[in-house]
């Protein structure tokens, strides 16, 4: 098992139209973790705490970055939660 704390910047999602920012941010977090752990996006499981943190102030006002604690297991599955 490999575990890391990663800061995921959400600048790319902030450039999206306002009504799509939170949706794009969730996709961006999943893509970033898949790239960092070299795993397919289908094997990345995000905890509800990440969703709540991104949607905390609504769809339009997402945070600029989020700290995530992620672990990759021997079978290739990556599980992530907020690092707080």
C-alpha atoms as a PDB file:
ATOM      1  CA  UNK A   1       0.000   0.000   0.000  1.00  0.00           C
ATOM      2  CA  UNK A   2       1.273   3.440  -0.949  1.00  0.00           C
ATOM      3  CA  UNK A   3      -0.125   6.531   0.798  1.00  0.00           C
ATOM      4  CA  UNK A   4       0.485  10.220   0.044  1.00  0.00           C
ATOM      5  CA  UNK A   5      -0.914  13.634   0.896  1.00  0.00           C
ATOM      6  CA  UNK A   6      -1.346  15.633  -2.290  1.00  0.00           C
ATOM      7  CA  UNK A   7      -2.370  19.239  -2.908  1.00  0.00           C
ATOM      8  CA  UNK A   8      -4.553  19.348  -6.008  1.00  0.00           C
ATOM      9  CA  UNK A   9      -4.771  22.800  -7.655  1.00  0.00           C
ATOM     10  CA  UNK A  10      -8.211  23.593  -9.054  1.00  0.00           C
ATOM     11  CA  UNK A  11      -7.195  26.506 -11.296  1.00  0.00           C
ATOM     12  CA  UNK A  12      -8.308  24.667 -14.438  1.00  0.00           C
ATOM     13  CA  UNK A  13     -11.795  24.271 -13.012  1.00  0.00           C
ATOM     14  CA  UNK A  14     -11.907  27.955 -12.030  1.00  0.00           C
ATOM     15  CA  UNK A  15     -11.562  28.853 -15.726  1.00  0.00           C
ATOM     16  CA  UNK A  16     -14.742  26.923 -16.547  1.00  0.00           C
ATOM     17  CA  UNK A  17     -18.115  28.659 -16.792  1.00  0.00           C
ATOM     18  CA  UNK A  18     -19.539  29.413 -13.347  1.00  0.00           C
ATOM     19  CA  UNK A  19     -22.387  26.916 -13.567  1.00  0.00           C
ATOM     20  CA  UNK A  20     -19.931  24.055 -14.265  1.00  0.00           C
ATOM     21  CA  UNK A  21     -17.087  24.794 -11.829  1.00  0.00           C
ATOM     22  CA  UNK A  22     -17.834  22.250  -9.090  1.00  0.00           C
ATOM     23  CA  UNK A  23     -18.499  19.513 -11.628  1.00  0.00           C
ATOM     24  CA  UNK A  24     -15.215  20.210 -13.422  1.00  0.00           C
ATOM     25  CA  UNK A  25     -13.359  20.334 -10.100  1.00  0.00           C
ATOM     26  CA  UNK A  26     -14.516  16.821  -9.157  1.00  0.00           C
ATOM     27  CA  UNK A  27     -13.404  15.509 -12.556  1.00  0.00           C
ATOM     28  CA  UNK A  28     -10.071  17.312 -12.207  1.00  0.00           C
ATOM     29  CA  UNK A  29      -9.389  15.756  -8.766  1.00  0.00           C
ATOM     30  CA  UNK A  30     -10.078  12.277 -10.161  1.00  0.00           C
ATOM     31  CA  UNK A  31      -7.815  12.893 -13.197  1.00  0.00           C
ATOM     32  CA  UNK A  32      -5.006  14.303 -11.047  1.00  0.00           C
ATOM     33  CA  UNK A  33      -5.030  11.307  -8.683  1.00  0.00           C
ATOM     34  CA  UNK A  34      -5.104   8.888 -11.616  1.00  0.00           C
ATOM     35  CA  UNK A  35      -2.046  10.620 -13.105  1.00  0.00           C
ATOM     36  CA  UNK A  36      -0.109  10.785  -9.832  1.00  0.00           C
ATOM     37  CA  UNK A  37      -0.712   7.129  -8.942  1.00  0.00           C
ATOM     38  CA  UNK A  38      -0.567   5.845 -12.544  1.00  0.00           C
ATOM     39  CA  UNK A  39      -3.961   4.179 -12.312  1.00  0.00           C
ATOM     40  CA  UNK A  40      -7.018   4.284 -14.574  1.00  0.00           C
ATOM     41  CA  UNK A  41      -9.671   6.853 -13.635  1.00  0.00           C
ATOM     42  CA  UNK A  42     -12.209   4.077 -13.076  1.00  0.00           C
ATOM     43  CA  UNK A  43     -10.105   2.744 -10.171  1.00  0.00           C
ATOM     44  CA  UNK A  44     -10.058   6.080  -8.284  1.00  0.00           C
ATOM     45  CA  UNK A  45     -12.644   6.213  -5.474  1.00  0.00           C
ATOM     46  CA  UNK A  46     -13.324   9.641  -3.952  1.00  0.00           C
ATOM     47  CA  UNK A  47     -14.741   9.964  -0.443  1.00  0.00           C
ATOM     48  CA  UNK A  48     -17.801  12.128   0.221  1.00  0.00           C
ATOM     49  CA  UNK A  49     -15.622  14.543   2.205  1.00  0.00           C
ATOM     50  CA  UNK A  50     -13.933  15.702  -1.028  1.00  0.00           C
ATOM     51  CA  UNK A  51     -17.329  16.334  -2.610  1.00  0.00           C
ATOM     52  CA  UNK A  52     -18.517  18.270   0.449  1.00  0.00           C
ATOM     53  CA  UNK A  53     -15.345  20.393   0.533  1.00  0.00           C
ATOM     54  CA  UNK A  54     -15.649  21.367  -3.144  1.00  0.00           C
ATOM     55  CA  UNK A  55     -19.398  22.040  -2.947  1.00  0.00           C
ATOM     56  CA  UNK A  56     -19.119  23.805   0.458  1.00  0.00           C
ATOM     57  CA  UNK A  57     -19.765  27.306  -0.920  1.00  0.00           C
ATOM     58  CA  UNK A  58     -21.898  26.203  -3.847  1.00  0.00           C
ATOM     59  CA  UNK A  59     -21.365  25.313  -7.469  1.00  0.00           C
ATOM     60  CA  UNK A  60     -19.872  28.659  -8.498  1.00  0.00           C
ATOM     61  CA  UNK A  61     -17.340  29.386  -5.715  1.00  0.00           C
ATOM     62  CA  UNK A  62     -14.994  26.415  -5.511  1.00  0.00           C
ATOM     63  CA  UNK A  63     -11.755  26.478  -3.482  1.00  0.00           C
ATOM     64  CA  UNK A  64      -8.535  27.267  -5.333  1.00  0.00           C
ATOM     65  CA  UNK A  65      -6.880  24.049  -4.122  1.00  0.00           C
ATOM     66  CA  UNK A  66      -7.664  21.035  -1.973  1.00  0.00           C
ATOM     67  CA  UNK A  67      -5.433  18.752   0.131  1.00  0.00           C
ATOM     68  CA  UNK A  68      -6.178  15.064  -0.343  1.00  0.00           C
ATOM     69  CA  UNK A  69      -4.879  11.964   1.441  1.00  0.00           C
ATOM     70  CA  UNK A  70      -4.828   9.126  -1.068  1.00  0.00           C
ATOM     71  CA  UNK A  71      -3.760   5.505  -0.839  1.00  0.00           C
ATOM     72  CA  UNK A  72      -3.117   3.019  -3.622  1.00  0.00           C
ATOM     73  CA  UNK A  73      -3.690  -0.612  -2.700  1.00  0.00           C
ATOM     74  CA  UNK A  74      -1.997  -3.682  -4.152  1.00  0.00           C
ATOM     75  CA  UNK A  75      -4.929  -4.404  -6.480  1.00  0.00           C
ATOM     76  CA  UNK A  76      -4.515  -0.955  -8.120  1.00  0.00           C
ATOM     77  CA  UNK A  77      -7.503   0.789  -6.504  1.00  0.00           C
ATOM     78  CA  UNK A  78      -6.885   4.347  -5.255  1.00  0.00           C
ATOM     79  CA  UNK A  79      -9.008   5.664  -2.388  1.00  0.00           C
ATOM     80  CA  UNK A  80      -8.953   9.348  -1.437  1.00  0.00           C
ATOM     81  CA  UNK A  81     -10.306  11.575   1.317  1.00  0.00           C
ATOM     82  CA  UNK A  82      -9.625  15.114   2.519  1.00  0.00           C
ATOM     83  CA  UNK A  83      -6.404  15.489   4.483  1.00  0.00           C
ATOM     84  CA  UNK A  84      -7.923  17.544   7.310  1.00  0.00           C
END
